């Protein structure tokens, strides 16, 4: 009889398994709005996001922001009196209403908690904080783009569609130039040939000119000694831009000056006064021949369908040009944790039998848009968006 070896098969019930100490990190899309240089924490700061907590520990659910309009009269001249000819000051305002936002995690049973090294209480706080950070980011994106809350039960976004003079629908061929067909809706934009309505350098220059001519204008951000407008492009917009001949030439000239060229300072580059960034969380819509909310950026009044659907088979994305205080975040209650038990506590040490961890905040997020108030009639009229300019172009999906 030949000698036999002793071996243990992979499916042996006594096979040991070792858990690696450190779990893998789940990579989320990068946040942009809550980077340090994007958040304005006081009235003197000049970031894109204006965060105020004036309602903390106070009664109420609404913050009121005001904006003093410049005097526009001709004034008085030689031998003319000033008294009796005074000009009226007008002060605009907008409301920011706060709402609740929360989430929670609970364990199933003591036996379930004891089966693995993964403990609900060990990971819940971290994951709830990441969840809240992501929802704040989504709130800022949707508010700035003029979109809506992601669920009808959620109201933290004070919804405002883009004002008519602060949105651009269009694009041009990858080789350069601007397509001239009049498009004032996503339906009209996406009905055109996609290759003629992509992002390119001429489109960016056109929008830079539009920004310069706005009244009132967007206030630029100070970046490394330059006054610029942060401009967020969807990665598929960047794909079209990188195919543009002019963009390739700009890259070649920038390379001559090396990595210290302002063109390479933590951004894609700079066209006129637009500092370009690729940002994957910008919204995109693909038409499927219907009017479901997923096929358009803007919804009808019942919020059950889009009233501006993208053409079937076409894809459109929204991009953003941002100025100071483009987005206002009002906080009545900072995010906080709650710990409880679903089935009592131990007598000693008050350890929960079935852990439950909650996390919530009271917050409102809105793009800045003021209302003009007429003290004679009491009427209020919407002004243009204060710090945001939105643009929609077609994209070719990989």
Protein backbone atom coordinates (compact mmCIF):
# COMPACT_ATOMS: atom_id res chain seq x y z
CA UNK A 1 0.00 0.00 0.00
CA UNK A 2 1.43 3.34 -1.04
CA UNK A 3 2.09 5.96 1.61
CA UNK A 4 -0.72 8.46 2.18
CA UNK A 5 -0.50 12.13 3.11
CA UNK A 6 -2.77 13.92 5.50
CA UNK A 7 -4.42 16.95 3.94
CA UNK A 8 -7.31 19.30 4.72
CA UNK A 9 -9.68 20.37 1.95
CA UNK A 10 -10.91 23.93 1.39
CA UNK A 11 -14.45 22.87 2.31
CA UNK A 12 -13.38 21.14 5.54
CA UNK A 13 -15.84 22.31 8.24
CA UNK A 14 -12.87 22.93 10.57
CA UNK A 15 -11.22 25.33 8.13
CA UNK A 16 -10.26 28.56 9.90
CA UNK A 17 -11.02 32.00 8.56
CA UNK A 18 -9.09 35.10 9.64
CA UNK A 19 -10.69 38.52 9.37
CA UNK A 20 -8.28 41.19 8.16
CA UNK A 21 -8.08 43.93 10.78
CA UNK A 22 -8.72 46.95 8.56
CA UNK A 23 -11.76 46.94 6.23
CA UNK A 24 -11.50 48.30 2.70
CA UNK A 25 -12.51 51.92 2.18
CA UNK A 26 -15.62 52.53 0.08
CA UNK A 27 -14.70 55.36 -2.26
CA UNK A 28 -17.49 57.90 -2.58
CA UNK A 29 -17.62 60.63 -5.21
CA UNK A 30 -15.55 63.60 -4.13
CA UNK A 31 -17.31 66.41 -2.30
CA UNK A 32 -16.68 69.90 -3.67
CA UNK A 33 -18.89 72.38 -1.89
CA UNK A 34 -17.66 71.64 1.62
CA UNK A 35 -13.95 71.93 0.96
CA UNK A 36 -12.40 74.54 3.23
CA UNK A 37 -11.97 77.22 0.60
CA UNK A 38 -15.53 76.80 -0.67
CA UNK A 39 -17.37 77.44 2.61
CA UNK A 40 -17.94 80.95 3.92
CA UNK A 41 -18.43 80.69 7.67
CA UNK A 42 -18.92 84.38 8.44
CA UNK A 43 -20.22 87.55 6.84
CA UNK A 44 -16.63 88.59 6.04
CA UNK A 45 -15.72 85.33 4.26
CA UNK A 46 -15.99 85.04 0.51
CA UNK A 47 -16.59 81.40 -0.37
CA UNK A 48 -19.18 79.82 -2.62
CA UNK A 49 -21.23 78.41 0.25
CA UNK A 50 -22.49 80.93 2.83
CA UNK A 51 -23.19 79.03 6.04
CA UNK A 52 -25.10 80.68 8.89
CA UNK A 53 -26.28 79.25 12.21
CA UNK A 54 -28.09 82.32 13.56
CA UNK A 55 -31.16 80.20 14.40
CA UNK A 56 -29.23 77.93 16.79
CA UNK A 57 -30.97 77.83 20.18
CA UNK A 58 -33.57 80.32 18.97
CA UNK A 59 -37.27 80.08 18.20
CA UNK A 60 -38.19 80.10 14.51
CA UNK A 61 -37.54 78.22 11.28
CA UNK A 62 -36.72 81.01 8.79
CA UNK A 63 -33.65 83.13 8.10
CA UNK A 64 -34.01 86.38 6.17
CA UNK A 65 -31.14 87.71 4.05
CA UNK A 66 -31.18 91.21 2.60
CA UNK A 67 -29.43 93.04 -0.24
CA UNK A 68 -29.27 96.84 -0.56
CA UNK A 69 -29.74 98.01 -4.16
CA UNK A 70 -27.41 100.73 -5.48
CA UNK A 71 -28.75 104.21 -6.04
CA UNK A 72 -29.34 104.80 -9.76
CA UNK A 73 -30.65 108.37 -9.99
CA UNK A 74 -28.99 111.13 -12.01
CA UNK A 75 -28.29 113.27 -8.96
CA UNK A 76 -28.42 117.09 -8.78
CA UNK A 77 -26.19 119.67 -10.44
CA UNK A 78 -25.21 123.35 -10.29
CA UNK A 79 -27.58 125.63 -8.31
CA UNK A 80 -29.96 122.70 -7.62
CA UNK A 81 -31.10 121.89 -4.11
CA UNK A 82 -30.72 118.44 -2.58
CA UNK A 83 -33.53 118.67 -0.05
CA UNK A 84 -36.86 117.65 -1.50
CA UNK A 85 -35.22 115.60 -4.25
CA UNK A 86 -34.02 112.57 -2.28
CA UNK A 87 -33.79 109.18 -3.94
CA UNK A 88 -35.43 106.15 -2.37
CA UNK A 89 -33.34 103.20 -1.19
CA UNK A 90 -34.62 99.72 -2.03
CA UNK A 91 -33.63 96.64 -0.05
CA UNK A 92 -34.21 93.16 -1.52
CA UNK A 93 -34.61 90.05 0.60
CA UNK A 94 -34.93 86.28 0.43
CA UNK A 95 -36.06 83.68 2.94
CA UNK A 96 -34.26 80.47 3.83
CA UNK A 97 -36.48 77.94 5.62
CA UNK A 98 -34.92 75.09 7.62
CA UNK A 99 -36.28 71.54 7.74
CA UNK A 100 -35.36 68.25 9.39
CA UNK A 101 -33.03 65.66 7.89
CA UNK A 102 -32.09 62.45 9.68
CA UNK A 103 -31.35 58.75 9.44
CA UNK A 104 -30.71 55.83 11.80
CA UNK A 105 -29.22 52.35 12.06
CA UNK A 106 -30.27 49.51 14.37
CA UNK A 107 -29.01 46.03 15.08
CA UNK A 108 -31.16 42.94 14.56
CA UNK A 109 -30.55 40.94 17.74
CA UNK A 110 -27.84 40.12 20.30
CA UNK A 111 -27.17 36.81 18.55
CA UNK A 112 -26.77 38.54 15.19
CA UNK A 113 -24.32 41.05 16.70
CA UNK A 114 -22.23 38.21 18.13
CA UNK A 115 -21.81 36.25 14.91
CA UNK A 116 -19.11 38.45 13.34
CA UNK A 117 -16.56 41.04 14.34
CA UNK A 118 -18.68 43.71 12.62
CA UNK A 119 -20.54 45.60 15.33
CA UNK A 120 -23.32 48.02 14.47
CA UNK A 121 -22.30 50.44 17.19
CA UNK A 122 -18.69 50.51 15.97
CA UNK A 123 -19.46 51.63 12.42
CA UNK A 124 -22.85 53.36 12.59
CA UNK A 125 -21.65 56.80 13.75
CA UNK A 126 -19.00 57.03 11.02
CA UNK A 127 -21.36 55.88 8.29
CA UNK A 128 -24.17 58.17 9.42
CA UNK A 129 -21.78 61.12 9.32
CA UNK A 130 -20.68 60.16 5.79
CA UNK A 131 -24.33 59.85 4.81
CA UNK A 132 -25.14 63.32 6.15
CA UNK A 133 -22.11 64.85 4.42
CA UNK A 134 -23.22 63.30 1.13
CA UNK A 135 -26.77 64.61 1.51
CA UNK A 136 -25.49 68.11 2.28
CA UNK A 137 -23.43 67.91 -0.90
CA UNK A 138 -26.43 66.71 -2.92
CA UNK A 139 -28.48 69.54 -1.43
CA UNK A 140 -25.93 72.12 -2.57
CA UNK A 141 -25.70 70.60 -6.07
CA UNK A 142 -29.45 70.46 -6.58
CA UNK A 143 -30.03 73.91 -5.11
CA UNK A 144 -27.33 75.51 -7.27
CA UNK A 145 -28.56 73.76 -10.45
CA UNK A 146 -32.17 74.76 -9.73
CA UNK A 147 -33.31 71.18 -9.11
CA UNK A 148 -35.50 69.64 -6.45
CA UNK A 149 -35.32 67.57 -3.26
CA UNK A 150 -34.44 63.92 -3.88
CA UNK A 151 -37.58 62.72 -2.09
CA UNK A 152 -40.99 64.34 -1.62
CA UNK A 153 -40.67 63.77 2.15
CA UNK A 154 -37.41 65.76 2.22
CA UNK A 155 -37.65 69.56 2.12
CA UNK A 156 -34.21 70.89 3.08
CA UNK A 157 -33.69 72.32 -0.44
CA UNK A 158 -35.61 75.57 -0.88
CA UNK A 159 -36.36 74.83 -4.53
CA UNK A 160 -35.80 77.53 -7.17
CA UNK A 161 -35.46 76.84 -10.89
CA UNK A 162 -32.75 78.87 -12.68
CA UNK A 163 -33.82 82.41 -13.47
CA UNK A 164 -34.23 83.09 -17.18
CA UNK A 165 -31.11 85.23 -17.61
CA UNK A 166 -28.81 82.85 -15.69
CA UNK A 167 -29.05 79.64 -17.74
CA UNK A 168 -27.54 78.71 -21.11
CA UNK A 169 -28.66 75.86 -23.37
CA UNK A 170 -26.26 75.11 -26.21
CA UNK A 171 -22.82 73.96 -27.24
CA UNK A 172 -20.69 73.51 -30.32
CA UNK A 173 -18.73 70.98 -32.38
CA UNK A 174 -15.65 69.38 -30.88
CA UNK A 175 -13.49 71.20 -33.44
CA UNK A 176 -14.67 74.54 -32.07
CA UNK A 177 -17.29 77.17 -32.76
CA UNK A 178 -20.79 77.67 -31.36
CA UNK A 179 -23.94 76.18 -32.85
CA UNK A 180 -26.42 78.98 -33.42
CA UNK A 181 -29.80 77.23 -33.34
CA UNK A 182 -32.03 78.82 -30.69
CA UNK A 183 -32.44 76.37 -27.82
CA UNK A 184 -34.15 77.49 -24.63
CA UNK A 185 -35.19 74.11 -23.27
CA UNK A 186 -33.59 70.71 -22.81
CA UNK A 187 -36.14 69.25 -25.22
CA UNK A 188 -35.03 71.66 -27.98
CA UNK A 189 -31.34 71.25 -27.12
CA UNK A 190 -31.44 67.46 -27.21
CA UNK A 191 -33.47 67.41 -30.45
CA UNK A 192 -30.37 68.74 -32.22
CA UNK A 193 -27.46 66.59 -33.43
CA UNK A 194 -25.38 65.76 -30.36
CA UNK A 195 -22.03 66.33 -32.10
CA UNK A 196 -23.00 69.98 -32.68
CA UNK A 197 -23.91 70.77 -29.05
CA UNK A 198 -20.93 69.64 -26.99
CA UNK A 199 -18.61 71.52 -24.64
CA UNK A 200 -15.62 73.32 -26.19
CA UNK A 201 -13.44 76.38 -25.53
CA UNK A 202 -15.61 78.72 -27.59
CA UNK A 203 -18.64 77.79 -25.51
CA UNK A 204 -16.67 78.57 -22.34
CA UNK A 205 -15.58 81.94 -23.73
CA UNK A 206 -19.18 82.74 -24.64
CA UNK A 207 -20.31 82.03 -21.09
CA UNK A 208 -17.44 84.07 -19.67
CA UNK A 209 -18.69 87.05 -21.73
CA UNK A 210 -22.23 86.46 -20.52
CA UNK A 211 -21.00 86.52 -16.91
CA UNK A 212 -19.17 89.82 -17.48
CA UNK A 213 -22.33 91.45 -18.86
CA UNK A 214 -24.71 90.37 -16.09
CA UNK A 215 -26.36 93.05 -13.94
CA UNK A 216 -26.10 92.52 -11.06
CA UNK A 217 -23.01 90.44 -11.71
CA UNK A 218 -21.59 87.44 -9.97
CA UNK A 219 -18.84 88.31 -7.46
CA UNK A 220 -15.64 86.38 -8.29
CA UNK A 221 -13.68 84.23 -5.84
CA UNK A 222 -10.09 85.03 -4.86
CA UNK A 223 -7.89 82.09 -5.93
CA UNK A 224 -4.10 82.33 -5.62
CA UNK A 225 -4.09 86.06 -6.29
CA UNK A 226 -6.60 85.87 -9.15
CA UNK A 227 -10.28 86.73 -9.26
CA UNK A 228 -12.03 83.79 -10.91
CA UNK A 229 -15.36 82.01 -11.14
CA UNK A 230 -15.19 78.32 -10.16
CA UNK A 231 -16.73 76.43 -13.08
CA UNK A 232 -17.85 72.83 -12.61
CA UNK A 233 -17.97 70.52 -15.65
CA UNK A 234 -19.38 67.01 -15.82
CA UNK A 235 -16.62 64.48 -16.70
CA UNK A 236 -18.34 63.82 -20.04
CA UNK A 237 -18.26 67.56 -20.75
CA UNK A 238 -14.53 67.38 -20.00
CA UNK A 239 -14.26 64.49 -22.46
CA UNK A 240 -15.70 66.70 -25.22
CA UNK A 241 -13.49 69.63 -24.18
CA UNK A 242 -10.35 67.49 -24.36
CA UNK A 243 -11.21 66.62 -27.97
CA UNK A 244 -11.27 70.32 -28.87
CA UNK A 245 -8.27 71.42 -30.99
CA UNK A 246 -8.03 74.78 -29.24
CA UNK A 247 -7.95 73.10 -25.83
CA UNK A 248 -5.11 70.84 -26.96
CA UNK A 249 -3.15 73.89 -28.11
CA UNK A 250 -3.73 75.61 -24.76
CA UNK A 251 -2.35 72.54 -23.01
CA UNK A 252 0.79 72.58 -25.18
CA UNK A 253 1.51 76.24 -24.41
CA UNK A 254 0.85 75.71 -20.70
CA UNK A 255 3.32 72.82 -20.58
CA UNK A 256 6.12 75.21 -21.54
CA UNK A 257 5.83 76.91 -18.13
CA UNK A 258 5.67 73.64 -16.22
CA UNK A 259 3.64 72.58 -13.19
CA UNK A 260 3.68 76.09 -11.65
CA UNK A 261 1.58 77.47 -14.49
CA UNK A 262 -1.77 78.72 -13.05
CA UNK A 263 -3.36 76.47 -15.66
CA UNK A 264 -2.40 73.43 -13.55
CA UNK A 265 -3.21 74.66 -10.04
CA UNK A 266 -5.54 71.93 -8.81
CA UNK A 267 -7.94 72.42 -11.69
CA UNK A 268 -8.41 71.48 -15.33
CA UNK A 269 -7.29 74.91 -16.40
CA UNK A 270 -8.56 78.43 -16.96
CA UNK A 271 -10.47 80.00 -19.85
CA UNK A 272 -10.67 83.79 -19.44
CA UNK A 273 -11.88 84.16 -15.81
CA UNK A 274 -13.45 80.68 -15.54
CA UNK A 275 -11.44 78.25 -13.37
CA UNK A 276 -12.45 74.77 -14.57
CA UNK A 277 -13.01 71.72 -12.41
CA UNK A 278 -14.23 68.23 -13.28
CA UNK A 279 -17.03 67.23 -10.91
CA UNK A 280 -18.72 63.84 -11.20
CA UNK A 281 -21.75 64.65 -9.05
CA UNK A 282 -23.26 67.13 -11.49
CA UNK A 283 -26.70 65.96 -12.66
CA UNK A 284 -27.22 64.37 -16.06
CA UNK A 285 -30.42 63.19 -17.75
CA UNK A 286 -30.97 60.64 -20.53
CA UNK A 287 -34.22 60.59 -22.48
CA UNK A 288 -36.17 57.35 -22.87
CA UNK A 289 -39.18 58.53 -24.83
CA UNK A 290 -41.29 59.37 -21.79
CA UNK A 291 -41.70 62.12 -19.18
CA UNK A 292 -40.51 60.36 -16.02
CA UNK A 293 -38.67 62.62 -13.54
CA UNK A 294 -35.39 60.88 -14.44
CA UNK A 295 -35.65 62.18 -18.04
CA UNK A 296 -35.62 65.90 -17.28
CA UNK A 297 -34.11 68.43 -14.90
CA UNK A 298 -37.31 70.28 -14.03
CA UNK A 299 -40.63 68.86 -12.81
CA UNK A 300 -44.27 69.78 -13.23
CA UNK A 301 -46.28 71.14 -10.31
CA UNK A 302 -47.43 67.74 -8.94
CA UNK A 303 -43.76 66.63 -9.19
CA UNK A 304 -44.75 63.39 -10.88
CA UNK A 305 -43.24 64.07 -14.32
CA UNK A 306 -40.79 66.34 -16.09
CA UNK A 307 -42.17 69.20 -18.17
CA UNK A 308 -38.96 69.42 -20.24
CA UNK A 309 -37.90 65.88 -21.19
CA UNK A 310 -34.60 65.15 -22.90
CA UNK A 311 -35.06 63.56 -26.34
CA UNK A 312 -35.01 59.79 -26.43
CA UNK A 313 -31.51 58.35 -26.54
CA UNK A 314 -29.85 61.71 -25.91
CA UNK A 315 -27.94 62.76 -22.77
CA UNK A 316 -27.72 66.27 -21.32
CA UNK A 317 -25.75 67.41 -18.27
CA UNK A 318 -25.85 70.57 -16.17
CA UNK A 319 -22.73 72.55 -15.31
CA UNK A 320 -22.23 75.48 -12.93
CA UNK A 321 -20.42 78.80 -12.83
CA UNK A 322 -20.27 80.04 -9.24
CA UNK A 323 -19.64 83.34 -7.51
CA UNK A 324 -19.43 84.36 -3.89
CA UNK A 325 -22.31 83.21 -1.66
CA UNK A 326 -23.93 81.34 -4.52
CA UNK A 327 -25.47 78.91 -2.03
CA UNK A 328 -26.81 79.66 1.43
CA UNK A 329 -26.91 76.99 4.15
CA UNK A 330 -28.92 77.84 7.24
CA UNK A 331 -28.46 75.61 10.28
CA UNK A 332 -30.79 75.59 13.27
CA UNK A 333 -29.39 72.35 14.73
CA UNK A 334 -25.96 70.95 13.94
CA UNK A 335 -25.86 67.20 13.18
CA UNK A 336 -26.04 65.16 16.38
CA UNK A 337 -26.27 61.51 17.46
CA UNK A 338 -28.86 59.69 19.50
CA UNK A 339 -28.22 56.28 21.11
CA UNK A 340 -31.00 54.03 22.36
CA UNK A 341 -31.98 50.38 22.69
CA UNK A 342 -34.79 48.66 20.83
CA UNK A 343 -35.30 46.21 23.69
CA UNK A 344 -34.08 47.55 27.02
CA UNK A 345 -30.69 47.99 28.68
CA UNK A 346 -28.59 45.85 30.96
CA UNK A 347 -28.86 46.83 34.61
CA UNK A 348 -25.11 47.24 34.94
CA UNK A 349 -23.48 49.71 32.60
CA UNK A 350 -26.71 50.48 30.72
CA UNK A 351 -25.57 48.49 27.69
CA UNK A 352 -28.32 48.34 25.02
CA UNK A 353 -29.63 44.86 24.26
CA UNK A 354 -30.33 45.82 20.62
CA UNK A 355 -28.42 49.02 19.72
CA UNK A 356 -30.09 51.83 17.81
CA UNK A 357 -28.15 54.89 16.62
CA UNK A 358 -29.90 57.96 15.19
CA UNK A 359 -28.47 61.08 13.55
CA UNK A 360 -30.24 64.27 12.51
CA UNK A 361 -29.97 67.95 11.74
CA UNK A 362 -32.21 70.93 11.07
CA UNK A 363 -30.97 72.67 7.95
CA UNK A 364 -32.06 74.62 4.90
CA UNK A 365 -30.16 74.95 1.60
CA UNK A 366 -30.94 77.44 -1.15
CA UNK A 367 -29.36 79.21 -4.07
CA UNK A 368 -29.20 82.94 -3.36
CA UNK A 369 -32.04 84.74 -5.11
CA UNK A 370 -33.54 87.95 -3.81
CA UNK A 371 -37.02 89.42 -4.14
CA UNK A 372 -37.60 93.08 -4.92
CA UNK A 373 -40.11 94.55 -2.51
CA UNK A 374 -42.25 97.55 -3.47
CA UNK A 375 -43.29 99.34 -0.24
CA UNK A 376 -46.02 101.24 -2.10
CA UNK A 377 -47.89 98.16 -3.32
CA UNK A 378 -46.50 95.41 -1.08
CA UNK A 379 -45.67 93.36 -4.19
CA UNK A 380 -42.59 91.15 -4.35
CA UNK A 381 -40.82 90.36 -7.64
CA UNK A 382 -38.15 87.70 -8.12
CA UNK A 383 -34.73 89.00 -9.11
CA UNK A 384 -32.14 87.01 -11.07
CA UNK A 385 -30.02 84.34 -9.36
CA UNK A 386 -27.40 86.10 -7.25
CA UNK A 387 -24.34 83.84 -7.49
CA UNK A 388 -25.04 80.98 -9.93
CA UNK A 389 -25.04 80.59 -13.70
CA UNK A 390 -26.18 77.20 -15.03
CA UNK A 391 -25.40 75.72 -18.44
CA UNK A 392 -26.70 72.61 -20.22
CA UNK A 393 -24.90 70.85 -23.08
CA UNK A 394 -25.31 67.52 -24.80
CA UNK A 395 -22.82 64.73 -24.07
CA UNK A 396 -21.66 61.57 -25.79
CA UNK A 397 -21.71 58.75 -23.25
CA UNK A 398 -18.78 56.30 -23.28
